[in-house]
Every structure is written in structure tokens, then in C-alpha cells.
Amino acid sequence: MNSQSRSSLRVVFRRLNHLYFEGRLRCHLIWGRIVAERVRRSRRLGSFNPRNETIALNPVLLNPSIPFYVLESVLHHEMCHSFVPPKRIGGRTYAHHRAFREKEREYEYFSKAEAWIKKNQKLLFLPLSPSREKKRGA
């Protein structure tokens, strides 16, 4: 990814951090790598690594056909993982428990983003390639 999209992503992170997390998060941000040129049945749009406080976003989110609020929603979801720790219940660890879901739903466009993702899953599962990738400066 180019440095412009990374610095733009940091601007979005700072805004969301201020609005929803009282500016308390100190996460590292990276874009994931493009792995294969095949159609997928599923695709992880983001991930959070608690060991090094790193949020990785899938470069499919740079596709200009994907609304900005969807990228923000995925970033906000991963930020929630940093803010709301997993819970141990009955010997199992749950990352998406009630407190997490409540925090996640605070994002202004949460329902709109979820509906868009559900309706447009085929677009998200198309193969990615460096030649197809568009830099829109998240």
C-alpha cells in the first residue's frame, strides 16, 4: 500500500478514536496483503492482534465501489476489540459478547454498513490483484 492510504487511514482512526473511544486507543494500523487471484466464499475484512495492538484491514476495502462508511465500520469493529476485552464464560473465550456488541452498535452507520455488506457480499469476494486494486486513500 502506498504511504498516502496509510496516513489517510490514521486520520480515520484518530477521528473514530476521539468520537467513540475517548482517544484512549493506541493501535498500529496495517493493510493486509493480496494473497490470491481466486473467488472466495468468505473473506475476513479486518482483524485485531491483541499481542501487539495491531489492526489489519483487508485491501478489498480500498475498492472505490465500497462505501466509505463500510471501511469505517470495519475499522470501528476492530477498534472495539482493543477497547472491550474478551470474556471467559464457562471455560470458553468470547470476543463478540454483549458489551462488545453494544460498543460496536455505537458507530453511527453500523446498521447501514451491515446491510450493505450483507447485500454486496459478492463484490467483497471477488479476486483481488495488484493490477485491479484502486488506491482511494482510506
N, C-alpha and C. Protein backbone atom coordinates (compact mmCIF):
# COMPACT_ATOMS: atom_id res chain seq x y z
N MET A 1 0.84 -1.18 0.00
CA MET A 1 0.00 0.00 0.00
C MET A 1 0.88 1.24 0.00
N ASN A 2 0.38 2.27 -0.56
CA ASN A 2 1.18 3.48 -0.59
C ASN A 2 1.07 4.24 0.73
N SER A 3 2.00 5.13 0.97
CA SER A 3 2.03 5.86 2.24
C SER A 3 0.82 6.78 2.39
N GLN A 4 0.25 7.26 1.29
CA GLN A 4 -0.93 8.13 1.34
C GLN A 4 -2.12 7.40 1.95
N SER A 5 -2.37 6.17 1.53
CA SER A 5 -3.52 5.44 2.08
C SER A 5 -3.30 5.11 3.55
N ARG A 6 -2.05 4.85 3.93
CA ARG A 6 -1.76 4.57 5.35
C ARG A 6 -1.97 5.81 6.20
N SER A 7 -1.50 6.95 5.74
CA SER A 7 -1.68 8.17 6.55
C SER A 7 -3.15 8.56 6.58
N SER A 8 -3.88 8.34 5.50
CA SER A 8 -5.32 8.63 5.49
C SER A 8 -6.06 7.72 6.46
N LEU A 9 -5.65 6.46 6.53
CA LEU A 9 -6.26 5.52 7.46
C LEU A 9 -6.03 5.98 8.90
N ARG A 10 -4.86 6.51 9.18
CA ARG A 10 -4.59 7.02 10.54
C ARG A 10 -5.51 8.20 10.89
N VAL A 11 -5.83 9.02 9.90
CA VAL A 11 -6.75 10.14 10.13
C VAL A 11 -8.13 9.60 10.51
N VAL A 12 -8.60 8.59 9.80
CA VAL A 12 -9.89 7.97 10.10
C VAL A 12 -9.85 7.35 11.50
N PHE A 13 -8.75 6.64 11.81
CA PHE A 13 -8.59 6.03 13.12
C PHE A 13 -8.67 7.09 14.22
N ARG A 14 -7.95 8.20 14.06
CA ARG A 14 -7.95 9.25 15.09
C ARG A 14 -9.36 9.82 15.30
N ARG A 15 -10.10 10.01 14.20
CA ARG A 15 -11.45 10.54 14.32
C ARG A 15 -12.36 9.58 15.07
N LEU A 16 -12.33 8.29 14.69
CA LEU A 16 -13.15 7.29 15.36
C LEU A 16 -12.71 7.13 16.83
N ASN A 17 -11.42 7.17 17.06
CA ASN A 17 -10.89 7.05 18.42
C ASN A 17 -11.43 8.18 19.31
N HIS A 18 -11.45 9.38 18.77
CA HIS A 18 -11.95 10.53 19.52
C HIS A 18 -13.45 10.42 19.76
N LEU A 19 -14.21 10.06 18.72
CA LEU A 19 -15.67 10.02 18.82
C LEU A 19 -16.21 8.89 19.69
N TYR A 20 -15.58 7.71 19.62
CA TYR A 20 -16.16 6.52 20.23
C TYR A 20 -15.34 5.91 21.37
N PHE A 21 -14.07 6.31 21.51
CA PHE A 21 -13.20 5.65 22.48
C PHE A 21 -12.44 6.63 23.37
N GLU A 22 -12.91 7.87 23.44
CA GLU A 22 -12.31 8.90 24.29
C GLU A 22 -10.82 9.10 24.01
N GLY A 23 -10.38 8.77 22.80
CA GLY A 23 -8.98 8.94 22.42
C GLY A 23 -8.03 7.99 23.12
N ARG A 24 -8.54 6.91 23.71
CA ARG A 24 -7.72 6.02 24.54
C ARG A 24 -6.98 4.93 23.78
N LEU A 25 -7.33 4.66 22.53
CA LEU A 25 -6.70 3.55 21.82
C LEU A 25 -5.36 3.96 21.21
N ARG A 26 -4.42 3.04 21.24
CA ARG A 26 -3.08 3.25 20.68
C ARG A 26 -2.72 2.08 19.77
N CYS A 27 -3.51 1.88 18.76
CA CYS A 27 -3.32 0.73 17.87
C CYS A 27 -2.41 1.07 16.70
N HIS A 28 -1.74 0.04 16.20
CA HIS A 28 -0.99 0.12 14.95
C HIS A 28 -1.95 -0.27 13.84
N LEU A 29 -1.81 0.35 12.69
CA LEU A 29 -2.70 0.08 11.56
C LEU A 29 -1.90 -0.43 10.38
N ILE A 30 -2.40 -1.50 9.77
CA ILE A 30 -1.76 -2.01 8.56
C ILE A 30 -2.84 -2.46 7.58
N TRP A 31 -2.46 -2.50 6.32
CA TRP A 31 -3.30 -3.13 5.30
C TRP A 31 -2.77 -4.54 5.10
N GLY A 32 -3.68 -5.48 4.97
CA GLY A 32 -3.28 -6.85 4.70
C GLY A 32 -2.70 -6.98 3.31
N ARG A 33 -2.22 -8.18 3.01
CA ARG A 33 -1.65 -8.45 1.69
C ARG A 33 -2.69 -9.09 0.78
N ILE A 34 -2.50 -8.88 -0.50
CA ILE A 34 -3.31 -9.56 -1.50
C ILE A 34 -2.70 -10.94 -1.69
N VAL A 35 -3.50 -11.97 -1.41
CA VAL A 35 -2.95 -13.32 -1.39
C VAL A 35 -3.20 -14.11 -2.66
N ALA A 36 -4.40 -14.09 -3.18
CA ALA A 36 -4.71 -14.97 -4.31
C ALA A 36 -5.63 -14.28 -5.30
N GLU A 37 -5.64 -14.81 -6.51
CA GLU A 37 -6.46 -14.29 -7.61
C GLU A 37 -7.71 -15.13 -7.82
N ARG A 38 -8.25 -15.73 -6.78
CA ARG A 38 -9.41 -16.59 -6.96
C ARG A 38 -10.62 -16.01 -6.23
N VAL A 39 -11.79 -16.43 -6.67
CA VAL A 39 -13.02 -16.03 -6.00
C VAL A 39 -13.07 -16.78 -4.67
N ARG A 40 -13.52 -16.10 -3.63
CA ARG A 40 -13.58 -16.70 -2.30
C ARG A 40 -15.03 -16.85 -1.85
N ARG A 41 -15.25 -17.80 -0.96
CA ARG A 41 -16.58 -17.96 -0.37
C ARG A 41 -16.74 -17.08 0.86
N SER A 42 -15.64 -16.71 1.45
CA SER A 42 -15.67 -15.80 2.60
C SER A 42 -14.39 -14.98 2.58
N ARG A 43 -14.43 -13.89 3.28
CA ARG A 43 -13.26 -13.03 3.36
C ARG A 43 -13.31 -12.26 4.66
N ARG A 44 -12.23 -12.30 5.39
CA ARG A 44 -12.12 -11.52 6.63
C ARG A 44 -11.80 -10.09 6.23
N LEU A 45 -12.62 -9.16 6.66
CA LEU A 45 -12.43 -7.76 6.28
C LEU A 45 -11.46 -7.03 7.20
N GLY A 46 -11.27 -7.55 8.38
CA GLY A 46 -10.33 -6.94 9.31
C GLY A 46 -9.98 -7.92 10.41
N SER A 47 -8.92 -7.61 11.12
CA SER A 47 -8.53 -8.43 12.26
C SER A 47 -7.80 -7.55 13.28
N PHE A 48 -7.80 -8.04 14.52
CA PHE A 48 -7.12 -7.34 15.60
C PHE A 48 -6.20 -8.33 16.31
N ASN A 49 -4.94 -7.95 16.46
CA ASN A 49 -3.97 -8.77 17.17
C ASN A 49 -3.70 -8.11 18.53
N PRO A 50 -4.21 -8.72 19.63
CA PRO A 50 -4.05 -8.08 20.94
C PRO A 50 -2.61 -8.09 21.45
N ARG A 51 -1.79 -9.00 20.94
CA ARG A 51 -0.40 -9.06 21.43
C ARG A 51 0.38 -7.80 21.09
N ASN A 52 0.14 -7.25 19.91
CA ASN A 52 0.87 -6.05 19.52
C ASN A 52 -0.06 -4.88 19.17
N GLU A 53 -1.35 -5.02 19.56
CA GLU A 53 -2.34 -3.96 19.33
C GLU A 53 -2.36 -3.51 17.87
N THR A 54 -2.39 -4.47 16.96
CA THR A 54 -2.37 -4.16 15.53
C THR A 54 -3.71 -4.49 14.89
N ILE A 55 -4.23 -3.53 14.15
CA ILE A 55 -5.43 -3.72 13.34
C ILE A 55 -4.99 -3.86 11.90
N ALA A 56 -5.41 -4.96 11.27
CA ALA A 56 -5.13 -5.19 9.85
C ALA A 56 -6.45 -5.14 9.09
N LEU A 57 -6.47 -4.36 8.02
CA LEU A 57 -7.66 -4.27 7.18
C LEU A 57 -7.39 -4.91 5.84
N ASN A 58 -8.41 -5.55 5.30
CA ASN A 58 -8.29 -6.19 4.01
C ASN A 58 -8.26 -5.13 2.91
N PRO A 59 -7.32 -5.24 1.96
CA PRO A 59 -7.24 -4.24 0.88
C PRO A 59 -8.47 -4.20 -0.03
N VAL A 60 -9.36 -5.19 0.07
CA VAL A 60 -10.60 -5.13 -0.71
C VAL A 60 -11.38 -3.87 -0.33
N LEU A 61 -11.16 -3.35 0.88
CA LEU A 61 -11.86 -2.15 1.34
C LEU A 61 -11.42 -0.89 0.60
N LEU A 62 -10.33 -0.98 -0.16
CA LEU A 62 -9.88 0.15 -0.98
C LEU A 62 -10.63 0.26 -2.30
N ASN A 63 -11.43 -0.76 -2.62
CA ASN A 63 -12.20 -0.73 -3.85
C ASN A 63 -13.14 0.47 -3.81
N PRO A 64 -13.09 1.35 -4.82
CA PRO A 64 -13.93 2.56 -4.79
C PRO A 64 -15.42 2.26 -4.83
N SER A 65 -15.82 1.02 -5.16
CA SER A 65 -17.24 0.65 -5.15
C SER A 65 -17.76 0.42 -3.73
N ILE A 66 -16.87 0.30 -2.78
CA ILE A 66 -17.26 0.04 -1.40
C ILE A 66 -17.40 1.38 -0.67
N PRO A 67 -18.57 1.65 -0.11
CA PRO A 67 -18.77 2.95 0.56
C PRO A 67 -17.79 3.16 1.71
N PHE A 68 -17.45 4.41 1.92
CA PHE A 68 -16.51 4.77 2.97
C PHE A 68 -17.01 4.33 4.35
N TYR A 69 -18.33 4.42 4.58
CA TYR A 69 -18.86 4.04 5.89
C TYR A 69 -18.67 2.55 6.16
N VAL A 70 -18.52 1.73 5.13
CA VAL A 70 -18.24 0.30 5.32
C VAL A 70 -16.81 0.14 5.84
N LEU A 71 -15.86 0.82 5.21
CA LEU A 71 -14.48 0.79 5.70
C LEU A 71 -14.43 1.27 7.15
N GLU A 72 -15.11 2.38 7.44
CA GLU A 72 -15.13 2.91 8.81
C GLU A 72 -15.74 1.90 9.78
N SER A 73 -16.79 1.24 9.36
CA SER A 73 -17.45 0.26 10.23
C SER A 73 -16.53 -0.91 10.56
N VAL A 74 -15.79 -1.39 9.56
CA VAL A 74 -14.85 -2.48 9.80
C VAL A 74 -13.74 -2.02 10.73
N LEU A 75 -13.21 -0.82 10.50
CA LEU A 75 -12.17 -0.28 11.38
C LEU A 75 -12.72 -0.11 12.80
N HIS A 76 -13.91 0.43 12.94
CA HIS A 76 -14.53 0.61 14.25
C HIS A 76 -14.70 -0.74 14.95
N HIS A 77 -15.14 -1.76 14.23
CA HIS A 77 -15.30 -3.10 14.80
C HIS A 77 -13.98 -3.60 15.39
N GLU A 78 -12.90 -3.44 14.64
CA GLU A 78 -11.60 -3.90 15.11
C GLU A 78 -11.12 -3.06 16.30
N MET A 79 -11.44 -1.78 16.30
CA MET A 79 -11.10 -0.93 17.44
C MET A 79 -11.85 -1.38 18.69
N CYS A 80 -13.07 -1.85 18.51
CA CYS A 80 -13.85 -2.36 19.64
C CYS A 80 -13.14 -3.53 20.31
N HIS A 81 -12.45 -4.35 19.50
CA HIS A 81 -11.70 -5.47 20.07
C HIS A 81 -10.59 -4.98 21.01
N SER A 82 -10.00 -3.84 20.70
CA SER A 82 -8.96 -3.28 21.56
C SER A 82 -9.58 -2.68 22.83
N PHE A 83 -10.74 -2.12 22.71
CA PHE A 83 -11.39 -1.39 23.80
C PHE A 83 -12.14 -2.31 24.77
N VAL A 84 -12.79 -3.32 24.25
CA VAL A 84 -13.62 -4.23 25.05
C VAL A 84 -12.94 -5.61 25.07
N PRO A 85 -12.35 -5.99 26.19
CA PRO A 85 -11.62 -7.26 26.22
C PRO A 85 -12.56 -8.47 26.10
N PRO A 86 -12.03 -9.60 25.61
CA PRO A 86 -12.83 -10.83 25.54
C PRO A 86 -13.26 -11.26 26.95
N LYS A 87 -14.33 -12.05 27.01
CA LYS A 87 -14.84 -12.56 28.29
C LYS A 87 -14.72 -14.08 28.31
N ARG A 88 -14.36 -14.60 29.49
CA ARG A 88 -14.36 -16.05 29.71
C ARG A 88 -15.70 -16.43 30.32
N ILE A 89 -16.43 -17.29 29.64
CA ILE A 89 -17.73 -17.75 30.12
C ILE A 89 -17.76 -19.26 30.00
N GLY A 90 -17.91 -19.94 31.12
CA GLY A 90 -18.00 -21.39 31.10
C GLY A 90 -16.80 -22.06 30.46
N GLY A 91 -15.62 -21.53 30.69
CA GLY A 91 -14.41 -22.14 30.14
C GLY A 91 -14.11 -21.76 28.69
N ARG A 92 -14.96 -20.95 28.07
CA ARG A 92 -14.73 -20.51 26.69
C ARG A 92 -14.49 -19.01 26.65
N THR A 93 -13.75 -18.59 25.67
CA THR A 93 -13.48 -17.16 25.49
C THR A 93 -14.36 -16.63 24.37
N TYR A 94 -15.05 -15.53 24.65
CA TYR A 94 -15.93 -14.89 23.68
C TYR A 94 -15.44 -13.47 23.40
N ALA A 95 -15.18 -13.19 22.14
CA ALA A 95 -14.77 -11.83 21.75
C ALA A 95 -15.98 -10.96 21.44
N HIS A 96 -17.05 -11.56 20.92
CA HIS A 96 -18.23 -10.81 20.49
C HIS A 96 -19.38 -11.01 21.49
N HIS A 97 -19.13 -10.66 22.74
CA HIS A 97 -20.14 -10.78 23.79
C HIS A 97 -21.01 -9.52 23.83
N ARG A 98 -21.93 -9.49 24.75
CA ARG A 98 -22.92 -8.40 24.81
C ARG A 98 -22.27 -7.01 24.89
N ALA A 99 -21.30 -6.82 25.78
CA ALA A 99 -20.67 -5.50 25.92
C ALA A 99 -19.96 -5.09 24.62
N PHE A 100 -19.35 -6.07 23.96
CA PHE A 100 -18.69 -5.79 22.69
C PHE A 100 -19.73 -5.33 21.66
N ARG A 101 -20.82 -6.09 21.54
CA ARG A 101 -21.87 -5.76 20.55
C ARG A 101 -22.49 -4.40 20.83
N GLU A 102 -22.66 -4.05 22.09
CA GLU A 102 -23.21 -2.73 22.42
C GLU A 102 -22.26 -1.63 21.97
N LYS A 103 -20.97 -1.82 22.22
CA LYS A 103 -19.98 -0.82 21.79
C LYS A 103 -19.94 -0.73 20.27
N GLU A 104 -19.99 -1.88 19.60
CA GLU A 104 -19.96 -1.91 18.15
C GLU A 104 -21.14 -1.14 17.54
N ARG A 105 -22.31 -1.26 18.15
CA ARG A 105 -23.51 -0.61 17.63
C ARG A 105 -23.53 0.90 17.86
N GLU A 106 -22.57 1.41 18.60
CA GLU A 106 -22.48 2.87 18.78
C GLU A 106 -22.10 3.58 17.48
N TYR A 107 -21.41 2.87 16.58
CA TYR A 107 -21.00 3.51 15.32
C TYR A 107 -22.24 4.00 14.58
N GLU A 108 -22.20 5.24 14.19
CA GLU A 108 -23.36 5.92 13.58
C GLU A 108 -23.98 5.16 12.41
N TYR A 109 -23.16 4.55 11.57
CA TYR A 109 -23.66 3.88 10.37
C TYR A 109 -23.57 2.36 10.48
N PHE A 110 -23.59 1.84 11.70
CA PHE A 110 -23.44 0.40 11.91
C PHE A 110 -24.48 -0.39 11.10
N SER A 111 -25.75 -0.10 11.28
CA SER A 111 -26.81 -0.86 10.60
C SER A 111 -26.72 -0.71 9.09
N LYS A 112 -26.44 0.48 8.64
CA LYS A 112 -26.32 0.74 7.20
C LYS A 112 -25.14 -0.05 6.62
N ALA A 113 -24.02 -0.08 7.32
CA ALA A 113 -22.84 -0.82 6.85
C ALA A 113 -23.11 -2.32 6.85
N GLU A 114 -23.72 -2.83 7.90
CA GLU A 114 -24.04 -4.26 7.97
C GLU A 114 -24.97 -4.66 6.82
N ALA A 115 -25.96 -3.84 6.55
CA ALA A 115 -26.90 -4.13 5.46
C ALA A 115 -26.18 -4.12 4.11
N TRP A 116 -25.27 -3.13 3.91
CA TRP A 116 -24.54 -3.05 2.66
C TRP A 116 -23.65 -4.30 2.48
N ILE A 117 -22.96 -4.69 3.53
CA ILE A 117 -22.08 -5.87 3.45
C ILE A 117 -22.89 -7.11 3.11
N LYS A 118 -24.02 -7.27 3.77
CA LYS A 118 -24.87 -8.45 3.52
C LYS A 118 -25.37 -8.46 2.08
N LYS A 119 -25.79 -7.30 1.58
CA LYS A 119 -26.34 -7.20 0.23
C LYS A 119 -25.27 -7.34 -0.85
N ASN A 120 -24.03 -6.95 -0.56
CA ASN A 120 -22.98 -6.88 -1.57
C ASN A 120 -21.83 -7.85 -1.33
N GLN A 121 -22.10 -8.97 -0.72
CA GLN A 121 -21.05 -9.93 -0.41
C GLN A 121 -20.28 -10.37 -1.65
N LYS A 122 -20.96 -10.50 -2.77
CA LYS A 122 -20.27 -10.95 -3.99
C LYS A 122 -19.14 -10.00 -4.38
N LEU A 123 -19.37 -8.71 -4.23
CA LEU A 123 -18.34 -7.73 -4.53
C LEU A 123 -17.14 -7.91 -3.62
N LEU A 124 -17.39 -8.23 -2.36
CA LEU A 124 -16.31 -8.41 -1.39
C LEU A 124 -15.50 -9.68 -1.66
N PHE A 125 -16.11 -10.66 -2.33
CA PHE A 125 -15.46 -11.95 -2.53
C PHE A 125 -14.78 -12.08 -3.89
N LEU A 126 -14.82 -11.04 -4.71
CA LEU A 126 -14.14 -11.09 -5.99
C LEU A 126 -12.64 -11.22 -5.78
N PRO A 127 -11.94 -11.82 -6.74
CA PRO A 127 -10.48 -11.92 -6.58
C PRO A 127 -9.84 -10.54 -6.59
N LEU A 128 -8.79 -10.43 -5.81
CA LEU A 128 -8.00 -9.20 -5.77
C LEU A 128 -6.70 -9.43 -6.52
N SER A 129 -6.23 -8.40 -7.14
CA SER A 129 -4.92 -8.45 -7.76
C SER A 129 -4.31 -7.07 -7.67
N PRO A 130 -2.99 -6.98 -7.64
CA PRO A 130 -2.38 -5.64 -7.58
C PRO A 130 -2.81 -4.76 -8.74
N SER A 131 -3.08 -5.32 -9.91
CA SER A 131 -3.47 -4.51 -11.06
C SER A 131 -4.90 -3.99 -10.92
N ARG A 132 -5.77 -4.73 -10.20
CA ARG A 132 -7.16 -4.34 -10.03
C ARG A 132 -7.35 -3.39 -8.85
N GLU A 133 -6.43 -3.42 -7.95
CA GLU A 133 -6.56 -2.65 -6.70
C GLU A 133 -6.54 -1.17 -7.00
N LYS A 134 -7.45 -0.44 -6.39
CA LYS A 134 -7.52 1.01 -6.55
C LYS A 134 -7.10 1.67 -5.25
N LYS A 135 -6.29 2.67 -5.34
CA LYS A 135 -5.87 3.42 -4.16
C LYS A 135 -6.80 4.62 -4.02
N ARG A 136 -7.66 4.58 -3.03
CA ARG A 136 -8.57 5.71 -2.85
C ARG A 136 -8.21 6.51 -1.60
N GLY A 137 -7.16 6.10 -0.90
CA GLY A 137 -6.73 6.86 0.26
C GLY A 137 -7.74 6.83 1.38
N ALA A 138 -7.94 5.65 1.96
CA ALA A 138 -8.91 5.47 3.05
C ALA A 138 -8.82 6.61 3.99
